[in-house]
Amino acid sequence: MTRDNFLGFGCSATTLLDGQFKINTFSIPEYTARVDSGDIPTALTLRFTRRQRMIYYLFWTAYTTQVDGTAFRQFFGASLERYYGLELALARMLGLVRKQDGCYILTSKGMYYFHYYEYDYTLSYIDQMWNRMGVQAFPGELVIK
């Protein structure tokens, strides 16, 4: 998921666009029925605010172990420091990232904590979503607890 945007095709595929994240149904019979009838097989859609999309971008970009301020500006038309300057300064003071040539690079300590919290996120969000989608082809909504 380290692409800025992508289209997914097939059962359980995901699509990431500028303003939304979509998940196709996990059910093969329901997927084929939707496609055969000309309907989109999307089971859930998350619509992003601009700030949410920025956070989503930063979260998944951190998997590359660096966040490029120039790439952020090209994608959002805004400065990374303008939106996250305080957080980045704090991360630098705590030794989680270092700045080099306009990029914020995760240190070993930063990678440790990133993956520690990413694991927690995965358990609380992705696992709940996959479990629900495995038993219900088109849930009306998904509330993460």
N, C-alpha and C. Protein backbone atom coordinates (compact mmCIF):
# COMPACT_ATOMS: atom_id res chain seq x y z
N MET A 1 0.82 -1.19 0.00
CA MET A 1 0.00 0.00 0.00
C MET A 1 0.86 1.25 0.00
N THR A 2 2.00 1.15 -0.58
CA THR A 2 2.89 2.31 -0.60
C THR A 2 2.74 3.12 -1.88
N ARG A 3 1.62 3.00 -2.55
CA ARG A 3 1.31 3.82 -3.72
C ARG A 3 0.35 4.92 -3.29
N ASP A 4 0.48 6.08 -3.93
CA ASP A 4 -0.39 7.20 -3.57
C ASP A 4 -1.84 6.93 -3.91
N ASN A 5 -2.08 6.34 -5.07
CA ASN A 5 -3.42 5.95 -5.52
C ASN A 5 -3.28 4.65 -6.28
N PHE A 6 -4.32 3.83 -6.25
CA PHE A 6 -4.31 2.60 -7.02
C PHE A 6 -5.73 2.08 -7.18
N LEU A 7 -5.94 1.28 -8.23
CA LEU A 7 -7.22 0.63 -8.49
C LEU A 7 -7.06 -0.87 -8.23
N GLY A 8 -8.02 -1.44 -7.53
CA GLY A 8 -7.99 -2.87 -7.26
C GLY A 8 -9.13 -3.56 -7.99
N PHE A 9 -8.84 -4.73 -8.55
CA PHE A 9 -9.84 -5.51 -9.28
C PHE A 9 -9.91 -6.90 -8.67
N GLY A 10 -11.13 -7.39 -8.46
CA GLY A 10 -11.32 -8.74 -7.95
C GLY A 10 -11.89 -8.74 -6.54
N CYS A 11 -12.21 -9.94 -6.07
CA CYS A 11 -12.73 -10.11 -4.71
C CYS A 11 -11.73 -9.59 -3.70
N SER A 12 -12.22 -8.89 -2.71
CA SER A 12 -11.47 -8.33 -1.59
C SER A 12 -10.41 -7.32 -2.01
N ALA A 13 -10.40 -6.91 -3.24
CA ALA A 13 -9.44 -5.90 -3.70
C ALA A 13 -9.79 -4.54 -3.10
N THR A 14 -8.78 -3.72 -2.93
CA THR A 14 -8.98 -2.37 -2.43
C THR A 14 -8.58 -1.36 -3.49
N THR A 15 -9.20 -0.20 -3.41
CA THR A 15 -8.90 0.91 -4.30
C THR A 15 -8.66 2.13 -3.45
N LEU A 16 -7.59 2.85 -3.72
CA LEU A 16 -7.28 4.08 -3.00
C LEU A 16 -7.26 5.22 -4.00
N LEU A 17 -8.13 6.20 -3.76
CA LEU A 17 -8.20 7.40 -4.59
C LEU A 17 -7.90 8.62 -3.72
N ASP A 18 -7.85 9.79 -4.31
CA ASP A 18 -7.53 10.98 -3.53
C ASP A 18 -8.45 11.16 -2.33
N GLY A 19 -9.74 10.93 -2.52
CA GLY A 19 -10.70 11.22 -1.46
C GLY A 19 -11.42 10.02 -0.87
N GLN A 20 -11.01 8.82 -1.25
CA GLN A 20 -11.71 7.66 -0.70
C GLN A 20 -10.92 6.37 -0.82
N PHE A 21 -11.30 5.43 0.04
CA PHE A 21 -10.71 4.10 0.06
C PHE A 21 -11.87 3.13 -0.07
N LYS A 22 -11.79 2.19 -1.02
CA LYS A 22 -12.89 1.26 -1.29
C LYS A 22 -12.42 -0.18 -1.13
N ILE A 23 -13.32 -1.03 -0.66
CA ILE A 23 -13.02 -2.45 -0.48
C ILE A 23 -14.12 -3.24 -1.18
N ASN A 24 -13.70 -4.11 -2.10
CA ASN A 24 -14.67 -4.98 -2.76
C ASN A 24 -15.10 -6.10 -1.81
N THR A 25 -16.28 -6.63 -2.07
CA THR A 25 -16.78 -7.73 -1.27
C THR A 25 -15.81 -8.91 -1.30
N PHE A 26 -15.80 -9.68 -0.22
CA PHE A 26 -14.94 -10.86 -0.14
C PHE A 26 -15.66 -12.08 -0.70
N SER A 27 -16.95 -11.98 -0.95
CA SER A 27 -17.76 -13.10 -1.41
C SER A 27 -17.65 -13.26 -2.94
N ILE A 28 -17.15 -14.38 -3.38
CA ILE A 28 -17.02 -14.63 -4.82
C ILE A 28 -18.40 -14.65 -5.50
N PRO A 29 -19.39 -15.37 -4.97
CA PRO A 29 -20.72 -15.34 -5.62
C PRO A 29 -21.32 -13.94 -5.70
N GLU A 30 -21.20 -13.16 -4.62
CA GLU A 30 -21.76 -11.81 -4.62
C GLU A 30 -20.97 -10.88 -5.54
N TYR A 31 -19.66 -11.07 -5.60
CA TYR A 31 -18.82 -10.28 -6.49
C TYR A 31 -19.23 -10.52 -7.94
N THR A 32 -19.32 -11.79 -8.34
CA THR A 32 -19.66 -12.10 -9.74
C THR A 32 -21.08 -11.66 -10.07
N ALA A 33 -22.00 -11.77 -9.11
CA ALA A 33 -23.37 -11.31 -9.35
C ALA A 33 -23.40 -9.81 -9.60
N ARG A 34 -22.65 -9.06 -8.81
CA ARG A 34 -22.60 -7.60 -9.00
C ARG A 34 -21.99 -7.24 -10.36
N VAL A 35 -20.88 -7.87 -10.68
CA VAL A 35 -20.20 -7.57 -11.95
C VAL A 35 -21.10 -7.95 -13.13
N ASP A 36 -21.74 -9.14 -13.05
CA ASP A 36 -22.63 -9.58 -14.13
C ASP A 36 -23.81 -8.64 -14.34
N SER A 37 -24.28 -8.01 -13.26
CA SER A 37 -25.41 -7.08 -13.38
C SER A 37 -24.97 -5.66 -13.71
N GLY A 38 -23.65 -5.45 -13.83
CA GLY A 38 -23.14 -4.13 -14.17
C GLY A 38 -22.99 -3.21 -12.97
N ASP A 39 -23.13 -3.76 -11.77
CA ASP A 39 -22.98 -2.97 -10.55
C ASP A 39 -21.55 -3.08 -10.01
N ILE A 40 -21.16 -2.08 -9.28
CA ILE A 40 -19.83 -2.07 -8.66
C ILE A 40 -19.85 -2.99 -7.45
N PRO A 41 -18.82 -3.85 -7.30
CA PRO A 41 -18.80 -4.80 -6.18
C PRO A 41 -18.22 -4.25 -4.88
N THR A 42 -18.19 -2.93 -4.74
CA THR A 42 -17.66 -2.32 -3.52
C THR A 42 -18.58 -2.59 -2.34
N ALA A 43 -17.96 -3.10 -1.26
CA ALA A 43 -18.73 -3.41 -0.06
C ALA A 43 -18.67 -2.28 0.96
N LEU A 44 -17.54 -1.62 1.05
CA LEU A 44 -17.37 -0.52 2.00
C LEU A 44 -16.57 0.61 1.34
N THR A 45 -16.93 1.83 1.68
CA THR A 45 -16.19 3.00 1.20
C THR A 45 -15.92 3.92 2.37
N LEU A 46 -14.67 4.32 2.49
CA LEU A 46 -14.28 5.31 3.48
C LEU A 46 -13.99 6.59 2.73
N ARG A 47 -14.74 7.63 3.03
CA ARG A 47 -14.51 8.92 2.40
C ARG A 47 -13.63 9.76 3.34
N PHE A 48 -12.55 10.28 2.78
CA PHE A 48 -11.57 11.02 3.56
C PHE A 48 -11.85 12.51 3.57
N THR A 49 -11.61 13.15 4.72
CA THR A 49 -11.42 14.59 4.71
C THR A 49 -9.98 14.80 4.22
N ARG A 50 -9.63 16.02 3.91
CA ARG A 50 -8.26 16.30 3.45
C ARG A 50 -7.24 15.89 4.52
N ARG A 51 -7.51 16.22 5.75
CA ARG A 51 -6.60 15.89 6.86
C ARG A 51 -6.48 14.37 7.03
N GLN A 52 -7.59 13.66 6.95
CA GLN A 52 -7.55 12.20 7.06
C GLN A 52 -6.72 11.59 5.93
N ARG A 53 -6.87 12.15 4.72
CA ARG A 53 -6.10 11.61 3.59
C ARG A 53 -4.62 11.85 3.79
N MET A 54 -4.27 12.99 4.37
CA MET A 54 -2.87 13.27 4.66
C MET A 54 -2.31 12.26 5.67
N ILE A 55 -3.06 11.99 6.70
CA ILE A 55 -2.62 11.04 7.72
C ILE A 55 -2.49 9.65 7.11
N TYR A 56 -3.45 9.26 6.30
CA TYR A 56 -3.39 7.96 5.63
C TYR A 56 -2.14 7.88 4.76
N TYR A 57 -1.88 8.93 4.02
CA TYR A 57 -0.69 9.01 3.16
C TYR A 57 0.58 8.85 3.99
N LEU A 58 0.68 9.59 5.09
CA LEU A 58 1.87 9.54 5.93
C LEU A 58 2.05 8.17 6.57
N PHE A 59 0.96 7.58 7.02
CA PHE A 59 1.04 6.26 7.65
C PHE A 59 1.62 5.23 6.69
N TRP A 60 1.06 5.14 5.50
CA TRP A 60 1.53 4.13 4.56
C TRP A 60 2.87 4.50 3.93
N THR A 61 3.15 5.78 3.77
CA THR A 61 4.45 6.18 3.24
C THR A 61 5.57 5.84 4.22
N ALA A 62 5.26 5.85 5.50
CA ALA A 62 6.28 5.53 6.50
C ALA A 62 6.81 4.11 6.34
N TYR A 63 6.07 3.24 5.66
CA TYR A 63 6.58 1.89 5.38
C TYR A 63 7.86 1.93 4.56
N THR A 64 8.07 2.95 3.79
CA THR A 64 9.30 3.07 3.00
C THR A 64 10.45 3.58 3.87
N THR A 65 10.18 3.87 5.11
CA THR A 65 11.08 4.40 6.14
C THR A 65 11.46 5.86 5.93
N GLN A 66 10.81 6.51 4.97
CA GLN A 66 11.05 7.95 4.83
C GLN A 66 9.83 8.64 4.24
N VAL A 67 9.67 9.88 4.62
CA VAL A 67 8.60 10.71 4.08
C VAL A 67 9.26 11.89 3.38
N ASP A 68 9.02 12.01 2.11
CA ASP A 68 9.62 13.04 1.27
C ASP A 68 8.71 14.26 1.24
N GLY A 69 9.22 15.38 1.76
CA GLY A 69 8.45 16.61 1.79
C GLY A 69 8.05 17.10 0.41
N THR A 70 8.91 16.90 -0.58
CA THR A 70 8.61 17.32 -1.96
C THR A 70 7.48 16.47 -2.53
N ALA A 71 7.51 15.18 -2.31
CA ALA A 71 6.43 14.30 -2.80
C ALA A 71 5.11 14.64 -2.12
N PHE A 72 5.15 14.95 -0.84
CA PHE A 72 3.95 15.36 -0.11
C PHE A 72 3.37 16.62 -0.74
N ARG A 73 4.23 17.59 -1.00
CA ARG A 73 3.78 18.85 -1.62
C ARG A 73 3.18 18.59 -3.01
N GLN A 74 3.82 17.74 -3.80
CA GLN A 74 3.30 17.43 -5.13
C GLN A 74 1.93 16.77 -5.05
N PHE A 75 1.74 15.90 -4.08
CA PHE A 75 0.48 15.18 -3.97
C PHE A 75 -0.64 16.06 -3.40
N PHE A 76 -0.32 16.84 -2.35
CA PHE A 76 -1.35 17.62 -1.67
C PHE A 76 -1.35 19.11 -2.01
N GLY A 77 -0.29 19.57 -2.69
CA GLY A 77 -0.22 20.99 -2.99
C GLY A 77 0.00 21.83 -1.74
N ALA A 78 0.60 21.23 -0.72
CA ALA A 78 0.81 21.91 0.55
C ALA A 78 2.09 21.40 1.20
N SER A 79 2.64 22.21 2.06
CA SER A 79 3.88 21.87 2.75
C SER A 79 3.62 20.87 3.88
N LEU A 80 4.46 19.87 3.93
CA LEU A 80 4.40 18.89 5.02
C LEU A 80 4.60 19.58 6.36
N GLU A 81 5.55 20.49 6.42
CA GLU A 81 5.83 21.20 7.66
C GLU A 81 4.68 22.11 8.08
N ARG A 82 3.95 22.63 7.11
CA ARG A 82 2.81 23.49 7.46
C ARG A 82 1.76 22.71 8.24
N TYR A 83 1.52 21.49 7.83
CA TYR A 83 0.49 20.68 8.47
C TYR A 83 1.01 19.86 9.65
N TYR A 84 2.27 19.46 9.60
CA TYR A 84 2.80 18.55 10.62
C TYR A 84 4.14 19.00 11.18
N GLY A 85 4.42 20.29 11.14
CA GLY A 85 5.69 20.82 11.63
C GLY A 85 5.94 20.51 13.09
N LEU A 86 4.95 20.69 13.93
CA LEU A 86 5.11 20.42 15.37
C LEU A 86 5.39 18.94 15.61
N GLU A 87 4.64 18.08 14.96
CA GLU A 87 4.82 16.63 15.12
C GLU A 87 6.19 16.18 14.63
N LEU A 88 6.63 16.74 13.50
CA LEU A 88 7.94 16.38 12.96
C LEU A 88 9.07 16.89 13.85
N ALA A 89 8.92 18.08 14.38
CA ALA A 89 9.94 18.61 15.30
C ALA A 89 10.02 17.74 16.56
N LEU A 90 8.90 17.35 17.07
CA LEU A 90 8.86 16.47 18.25
C LEU A 90 9.49 15.11 17.93
N ALA A 91 9.16 14.56 16.76
CA ALA A 91 9.73 13.27 16.35
C ALA A 91 11.25 13.38 16.22
N ARG A 92 11.73 14.50 15.73
CA ARG A 92 13.19 14.71 15.64
C ARG A 92 13.81 14.81 17.02
N MET A 93 13.18 15.56 17.92
CA MET A 93 13.72 15.70 19.29
C MET A 93 13.76 14.36 20.02
N LEU A 94 12.79 13.51 19.74
CA LEU A 94 12.72 12.20 20.39
C LEU A 94 13.61 11.15 19.71
N GLY A 95 14.25 11.54 18.62
CA GLY A 95 15.14 10.62 17.93
C GLY A 95 14.41 9.59 17.08
N LEU A 96 13.19 9.90 16.66
CA LEU A 96 12.40 8.96 15.85
C LEU A 96 12.66 9.14 14.36
N VAL A 97 12.98 10.38 13.96
CA VAL A 97 13.29 10.68 12.57
C VAL A 97 14.48 11.64 12.52
N ARG A 98 15.13 11.65 11.38
CA ARG A 98 16.14 12.65 11.11
C ARG A 98 15.79 13.26 9.76
N LYS A 99 16.14 14.53 9.59
CA LYS A 99 15.84 15.21 8.34
C LYS A 99 17.09 15.25 7.47
N GLN A 100 16.90 14.88 6.21
CA GLN A 100 18.01 14.90 5.26
C GLN A 100 17.46 15.20 3.87
N ASP A 101 17.95 16.27 3.27
CA ASP A 101 17.55 16.65 1.90
C ASP A 101 16.04 16.71 1.72
N GLY A 102 15.35 17.30 2.68
CA GLY A 102 13.90 17.46 2.57
C GLY A 102 13.09 16.22 2.89
N CYS A 103 13.76 15.16 3.31
CA CYS A 103 13.08 13.91 3.68
C CYS A 103 13.19 13.69 5.18
N TYR A 104 12.16 13.12 5.74
CA TYR A 104 12.18 12.70 7.13
C TYR A 104 12.37 11.19 7.12
N ILE A 105 13.52 10.77 7.63
CA ILE A 105 13.92 9.36 7.57
C ILE A 105 13.77 8.76 8.96
N LEU A 106 13.05 7.65 9.05
CA LEU A 106 12.88 6.99 10.33
C LEU A 106 14.21 6.41 10.80
N THR A 107 14.52 6.64 12.05
CA THR A 107 15.70 6.04 12.66
C THR A 107 15.33 4.61 13.07
N SER A 108 16.28 3.86 13.58
CA SER A 108 15.98 2.51 14.08
C SER A 108 14.92 2.58 15.16
N LYS A 109 15.06 3.55 16.05
CA LYS A 109 14.07 3.76 17.12
C LYS A 109 12.71 4.11 16.51
N GLY A 110 12.71 4.97 15.51
CA GLY A 110 11.47 5.36 14.85
C GLY A 110 10.80 4.19 14.17
N MET A 111 11.60 3.34 13.50
CA MET A 111 11.04 2.16 12.84
C MET A 111 10.44 1.20 13.87
N TYR A 112 11.11 1.05 14.99
CA TYR A 112 10.59 0.18 16.05
C TYR A 112 9.20 0.65 16.50
N TYR A 113 9.11 1.93 16.85
CA TYR A 113 7.82 2.45 17.34
C TYR A 113 6.76 2.50 16.24
N PHE A 114 7.16 2.82 15.03
CA PHE A 114 6.20 2.81 13.93
C PHE A 114 5.56 1.43 13.80
N HIS A 115 6.39 0.39 13.76
CA HIS A 115 5.86 -0.96 13.59
C HIS A 115 5.12 -1.46 14.82
N TYR A 116 5.52 -0.99 15.99
CA TYR A 116 4.80 -1.34 17.22
C TYR A 116 3.36 -0.83 17.14
N TYR A 117 3.21 0.44 16.77
CA TYR A 117 1.87 1.02 16.68
C TYR A 117 1.12 0.56 15.43
N GLU A 118 1.83 0.30 14.36
CA GLU A 118 1.19 -0.22 13.15
C GLU A 118 0.56 -1.57 13.45
N TYR A 119 1.23 -2.41 14.21
CA TYR A 119 0.68 -3.71 14.59
C TYR A 119 -0.63 -3.53 15.36
N ASP A 120 -0.64 -2.58 16.28
CA ASP A 120 -1.84 -2.30 17.06
C ASP A 120 -2.97 -1.82 16.14
N TYR A 121 -2.64 -0.95 15.20
CA TYR A 121 -3.61 -0.46 14.22
C TYR A 121 -4.17 -1.62 13.40
N THR A 122 -3.28 -2.50 12.96
CA THR A 122 -3.71 -3.64 12.16
C THR A 122 -4.70 -4.49 12.92
N LEU A 123 -4.39 -4.78 14.18
CA LEU A 123 -5.30 -5.59 14.98
C LEU A 123 -6.65 -4.91 15.19
N SER A 124 -6.60 -3.60 15.46
CA SER A 124 -7.85 -2.92 15.78
C SER A 124 -8.68 -2.55 14.57
N TYR A 125 -8.08 -2.43 13.41
CA TYR A 125 -8.83 -1.99 12.24
C TYR A 125 -8.92 -3.06 11.17
N ILE A 126 -7.80 -3.46 10.64
CA ILE A 126 -7.81 -4.37 9.51
C ILE A 126 -8.37 -5.74 9.89
N ASP A 127 -7.98 -6.27 11.04
CA ASP A 127 -8.50 -7.58 11.43
C ASP A 127 -10.02 -7.54 11.64
N GLN A 128 -10.51 -6.48 12.28
CA GLN A 128 -11.96 -6.36 12.47
C GLN A 128 -12.68 -6.26 11.13
N MET A 129 -12.10 -5.50 10.21
CA MET A 129 -12.71 -5.34 8.89
C MET A 129 -12.72 -6.68 8.14
N TRP A 130 -11.58 -7.38 8.12
CA TRP A 130 -11.50 -8.65 7.39
C TRP A 130 -12.44 -9.69 7.99
N ASN A 131 -12.52 -9.73 9.32
CA ASN A 131 -13.44 -10.69 9.96
C ASN A 131 -14.88 -10.41 9.58
N ARG A 132 -15.27 -9.16 9.62
CA ARG A 132 -16.65 -8.79 9.28
C ARG A 132 -16.94 -9.06 7.80
N MET A 133 -15.99 -8.70 6.94
CA MET A 133 -16.19 -8.89 5.50
C MET A 133 -16.19 -10.38 5.14
N GLY A 134 -15.55 -11.20 5.95
CA GLY A 134 -15.54 -12.64 5.69
C GLY A 134 -16.88 -13.30 5.96
N VAL A 135 -17.72 -12.67 6.76
CA VAL A 135 -19.03 -13.27 7.09
C VAL A 135 -20.20 -12.48 6.51
N GLN A 136 -19.96 -11.26 6.06
CA GLN A 136 -21.04 -10.43 5.53
C GLN A 136 -20.56 -9.77 4.23
N ALA A 137 -21.19 -10.12 3.13
CA ALA A 137 -20.74 -9.64 1.82
C ALA A 137 -20.78 -8.13 1.67
N PHE A 138 -21.85 -7.50 2.15
CA PHE A 138 -22.02 -6.05 2.02
C PHE A 138 -22.51 -5.46 3.33
N PRO A 139 -21.61 -5.29 4.31
CA PRO A 139 -22.05 -4.69 5.57
C PRO A 139 -22.47 -3.24 5.33
N GLY A 140 -23.51 -2.82 6.02
CA GLY A 140 -23.97 -1.45 5.85
C GLY A 140 -22.95 -0.43 6.31
N GLU A 141 -22.25 -0.76 7.38
CA GLU A 141 -21.19 0.08 7.89
C GLU A 141 -20.28 -0.78 8.76
N LEU A 142 -19.13 -0.22 9.06
CA LEU A 142 -18.18 -0.91 9.92
C LEU A 142 -17.76 0.06 11.01
N VAL A 143 -18.03 -0.31 12.24
CA VAL A 143 -17.64 0.51 13.37
C VAL A 143 -16.50 -0.21 14.08
N ILE A 144 -15.35 0.45 14.14
CA ILE A 144 -14.16 -0.13 14.76
C ILE A 144 -14.20 0.16 16.26
N LYS A 145 -14.00 -0.89 17.03
CA LYS A 145 -14.04 -0.73 18.50
C LYS A 145 -12.65 -0.81 19.07
